[in-house]
Amino acid sequence: MGNIVAEIKSVNEILNIENLKIPEYQRPYRWNGKNVRLLLEDIFTNKNTGKQKYRIGSIILHKDNENLMIVDGQQRITTLLILDLVCNRESKLNNKLT
């Protein structure tokens, strides 16, 4: 059995892992608008209470050869990645229009 390493990482660090993969055994993305809204409401509620950090919960990754496979946290990671892509695309578009 390999070593188990626990680390606290920022969402940005997780989203920027180049070799992050979803293994075939994981269920497909299933979150709907309600799930996304609840995650965002939780993040904004946390921010509005003045807390400096927000923990999205445990993300479990497994190293498989050169890839890091998502064992737990796929729905949250995928949602945050989609939001990041949409927000960055919108930001880039707004910069081009102004």
C-alpha atoms as a PDB file:
ATOM      1  CA  MET A   1       0.000   0.000   0.000  1.00  0.00           C
ATOM      2  CA  GLY A   2       1.292   3.466  -0.888  1.00  0.00           C
ATOM      3  CA  ASN A   3       1.680   6.438   1.364  1.00  0.00           C
ATOM      4  CA  ILE A   4      -1.384   8.498   2.170  1.00  0.00           C
ATOM      5  CA  VAL A   5      -0.739  12.236   2.054  1.00  0.00           C
ATOM      6  CA  ALA A   6      -3.289  14.791   3.255  1.00  0.00           C
ATOM      7  CA  GLU A   7      -2.856  18.399   2.163  1.00  0.00           C
ATOM      8  CA  ILE A   8      -4.947  21.540   2.152  1.00  0.00           C
ATOM      9  CA  LYS A   9      -5.061  22.979  -1.354  1.00  0.00           C
ATOM     10  CA  SER A  10      -6.843  25.980  -2.779  1.00  0.00           C
ATOM     11  CA  VAL A  11      -9.567  25.505  -5.365  1.00  0.00           C
ATOM     12  CA  ASN A  12      -7.306  27.280  -7.851  1.00  0.00           C
ATOM     13  CA  GLU A  13      -4.529  24.747  -7.207  1.00  0.00           C
ATOM     14  CA  ILE A  14      -6.931  21.838  -7.741  1.00  0.00           C
ATOM     15  CA  LEU A  15      -8.432  23.292 -10.925  1.00  0.00           C
ATOM     16  CA  ASN A  16      -4.974  23.869 -12.376  1.00  0.00           C
ATOM     17  CA  ILE A  17      -3.721  20.294 -11.990  1.00  0.00           C
ATOM     18  CA  GLU A  18      -2.903  19.352 -15.579  1.00  0.00           C
ATOM     19  CA  ASN A  19      -3.042  15.591 -15.133  1.00  0.00           C
ATOM     20  CA  LEU A  20      -6.355  15.524 -13.220  1.00  0.00           C
ATOM     21  CA  LYS A  21      -8.653  12.852 -14.647  1.00  0.00           C
ATOM     22  CA  ILE A  22     -12.049  11.316 -13.953  1.00  0.00           C
ATOM     23  CA  PRO A  23     -11.714   7.530 -13.905  1.00  0.00           C
ATOM     24  CA  GLU A  24     -14.089   5.407 -15.967  1.00  0.00           C
ATOM     25  CA  TYR A  25     -15.661   3.897 -12.856  1.00  0.00           C
ATOM     26  CA  GLN A  26     -16.971   7.296 -11.700  1.00  0.00           C
ATOM     27  CA  ARG A  27     -20.594   8.109 -12.350  1.00  0.00           C
ATOM     28  CA  PRO A  28     -21.303  10.822 -14.923  1.00  0.00           C
ATOM     29  CA  TYR A  29     -21.830  14.438 -13.923  1.00  0.00           C
ATOM     30  CA  ARG A  30     -25.274  14.621 -12.322  1.00  0.00           C
ATOM     31  CA  TRP A  31     -25.549  17.981 -10.599  1.00  0.00           C
ATOM     32  CA  ASN A  32     -28.495  20.137 -11.552  1.00  0.00           C
ATOM     33  CA  GLY A  33     -29.171  23.837 -11.030  1.00  0.00           C
ATOM     34  CA  LYS A  34     -30.294  23.281  -7.445  1.00  0.00           C
ATOM     35  CA  ASN A  35     -27.006  21.579  -6.501  1.00  0.00           C
ATOM     36  CA  VAL A  36     -24.967  24.365  -8.096  1.00  0.00           C
ATOM     37  CA  ARG A  37     -27.100  27.048  -6.425  1.00  0.00           C
ATOM     38  CA  LEU A  38     -26.652  25.408  -2.997  1.00  0.00           C
ATOM     39  CA  LEU A  39     -22.863  25.292  -3.449  1.00  0.00           C
ATOM     40  CA  LEU A  40     -22.746  28.941  -4.524  1.00  0.00           C
ATOM     41  CA  GLU A  41     -25.077  30.047  -1.711  1.00  0.00           C
ATOM     42  CA  ASP A  42     -22.851  28.247   0.787  1.00  0.00           C
ATOM     43  CA  ILE A  43     -19.742  29.932  -0.631  1.00  0.00           C
ATOM     44  CA  PHE A  44     -21.345  33.406  -0.589  1.00  0.00           C
ATOM     45  CA  THR A  45     -22.809  32.925   2.905  1.00  0.00           C
ATOM     46  CA  ASN A  46     -19.348  31.975   4.141  1.00  0.00           C
ATOM     47  CA  LYS A  47     -17.805  35.021   2.447  1.00  0.00           C
ATOM     48  CA  ASN A  48     -20.445  37.375   3.836  1.00  0.00           C
ATOM     49  CA  THR A  49     -19.703  36.244   7.404  1.00  0.00           C
ATOM     50  CA  GLY A  50     -16.204  37.655   6.965  1.00  0.00           C
ATOM     51  CA  LYS A  51     -14.361  34.359   6.875  1.00  0.00           C
ATOM     52  CA  GLN A  52     -11.143  34.448   4.902  1.00  0.00           C
ATOM     53  CA  LYS A  53     -11.266  30.827   3.751  1.00  0.00           C
ATOM     54  CA  TYR A  54     -13.974  28.451   2.612  1.00  0.00           C
ATOM     55  CA  ARG A  55     -13.557  24.690   2.591  1.00  0.00           C
ATOM     56  CA  ILE A  56     -15.474  22.882  -0.107  1.00  0.00           C
ATOM     57  CA  GLY A  57     -14.987  19.541   1.586  1.00  0.00           C
ATOM     58  CA  SER A  58     -12.681  16.644   1.032  1.00  0.00           C
ATOM     59  CA  ILE A  59     -11.357  15.899  -2.412  1.00  0.00           C
ATOM     60  CA  ILE A  60      -9.747  12.493  -2.717  1.00  0.00           C
ATOM     61  CA  LEU A  61      -7.277  11.874  -5.520  1.00  0.00           C
ATOM     62  CA  HIS A  62      -5.455   8.673  -6.397  1.00  0.00           C
ATOM     63  CA  LYS A  63      -2.196   8.686  -8.318  1.00  0.00           C
ATOM     64  CA  ASP A  64      -2.429   6.280 -11.244  1.00  0.00           C
ATOM     65  CA  ASN A  65       0.777   6.293 -13.274  1.00  0.00           C
ATOM     66  CA  GLU A  66       1.189   9.937 -14.347  1.00  0.00           C
ATOM     67  CA  ASN A  67      -2.432  10.968 -13.679  1.00  0.00           C
ATOM     68  CA  LEU A  68      -4.310  12.035 -10.569  1.00  0.00           C
ATOM     69  CA  MET A  69      -7.688  10.315 -10.590  1.00  0.00           C
ATOM     70  CA  ILE A  70     -10.654  11.903  -8.820  1.00  0.00           C
ATOM     71  CA  VAL A  71     -11.986   9.361  -6.313  1.00  0.00           C
ATOM     72  CA  ASP A  72     -14.247  11.756  -4.383  1.00  0.00           C
ATOM     73  CA  GLY A  73     -15.307  15.319  -5.157  1.00  0.00           C
ATOM     74  CA  GLN A  74     -15.941  14.982  -8.883  1.00  0.00           C
ATOM     75  CA  GLN A  75     -19.281  16.825  -8.841  1.00  0.00           C
ATOM     76  CA  ARG A  76     -17.829  19.793  -6.908  1.00  0.00           C
ATOM     77  CA  ILE A  77     -14.630  19.955  -8.962  1.00  0.00           C
ATOM     78  CA  THR A  78     -16.509  19.714 -12.265  1.00  0.00           C
ATOM     79  CA  THR A  79     -18.994  22.402 -11.195  1.00  0.00           C
ATOM     80  CA  LEU A  80     -16.245  24.769 -10.072  1.00  0.00           C
ATOM     81  CA  LEU A  81     -14.301  24.147 -13.283  1.00  0.00           C
ATOM     82  CA  ILE A  82     -17.380  24.929 -15.397  1.00  0.00           C
ATOM     83  CA  LEU A  83     -18.016  28.122 -13.404  1.00  0.00           C
ATOM     84  CA  ASP A  84     -14.365  29.121 -13.728  1.00  0.00           C
ATOM     85  CA  LEU A  85     -14.423  28.590 -17.488  1.00  0.00           C
ATOM     86  CA  VAL A  86     -17.667  30.557 -17.900  1.00  0.00           C
ATOM     87  CA  CYS A  87     -16.502  33.438 -15.682  1.00  0.00           C
ATOM     88  CA  ASN A  88     -13.108  33.675 -17.342  1.00  0.00           C
ATOM     89  CA  ARG A  89     -14.639  33.519 -20.818  1.00  0.00           C
ATOM     90  CA  GLU A  90     -17.105  36.271 -19.865  1.00  0.00           C
ATOM     91  CA  SER A  91     -14.297  38.357 -18.361  1.00  0.00           C
ATOM     92  CA  LYS A  92     -12.181  37.978 -21.491  1.00  0.00           C
ATOM     93  CA  LEU A  93     -15.155  38.878 -23.692  1.00  0.00           C
ATOM     94  CA  ASN A  94     -15.901  41.991 -21.606  1.00  0.00           C
ATOM     95  CA  ASN A  95     -12.241  43.064 -21.862  1.00  0.00           C
ATOM     96  CA  LYS A  96     -12.401  42.750 -25.657  1.00  0.00           C
ATOM     97  CA  LEU A  97     -15.617  44.782 -25.844  1.00  0.00           C
ATOM     98  CA  THR A  98     -14.374  47.683 -23.706  1.00  0.00           C
END
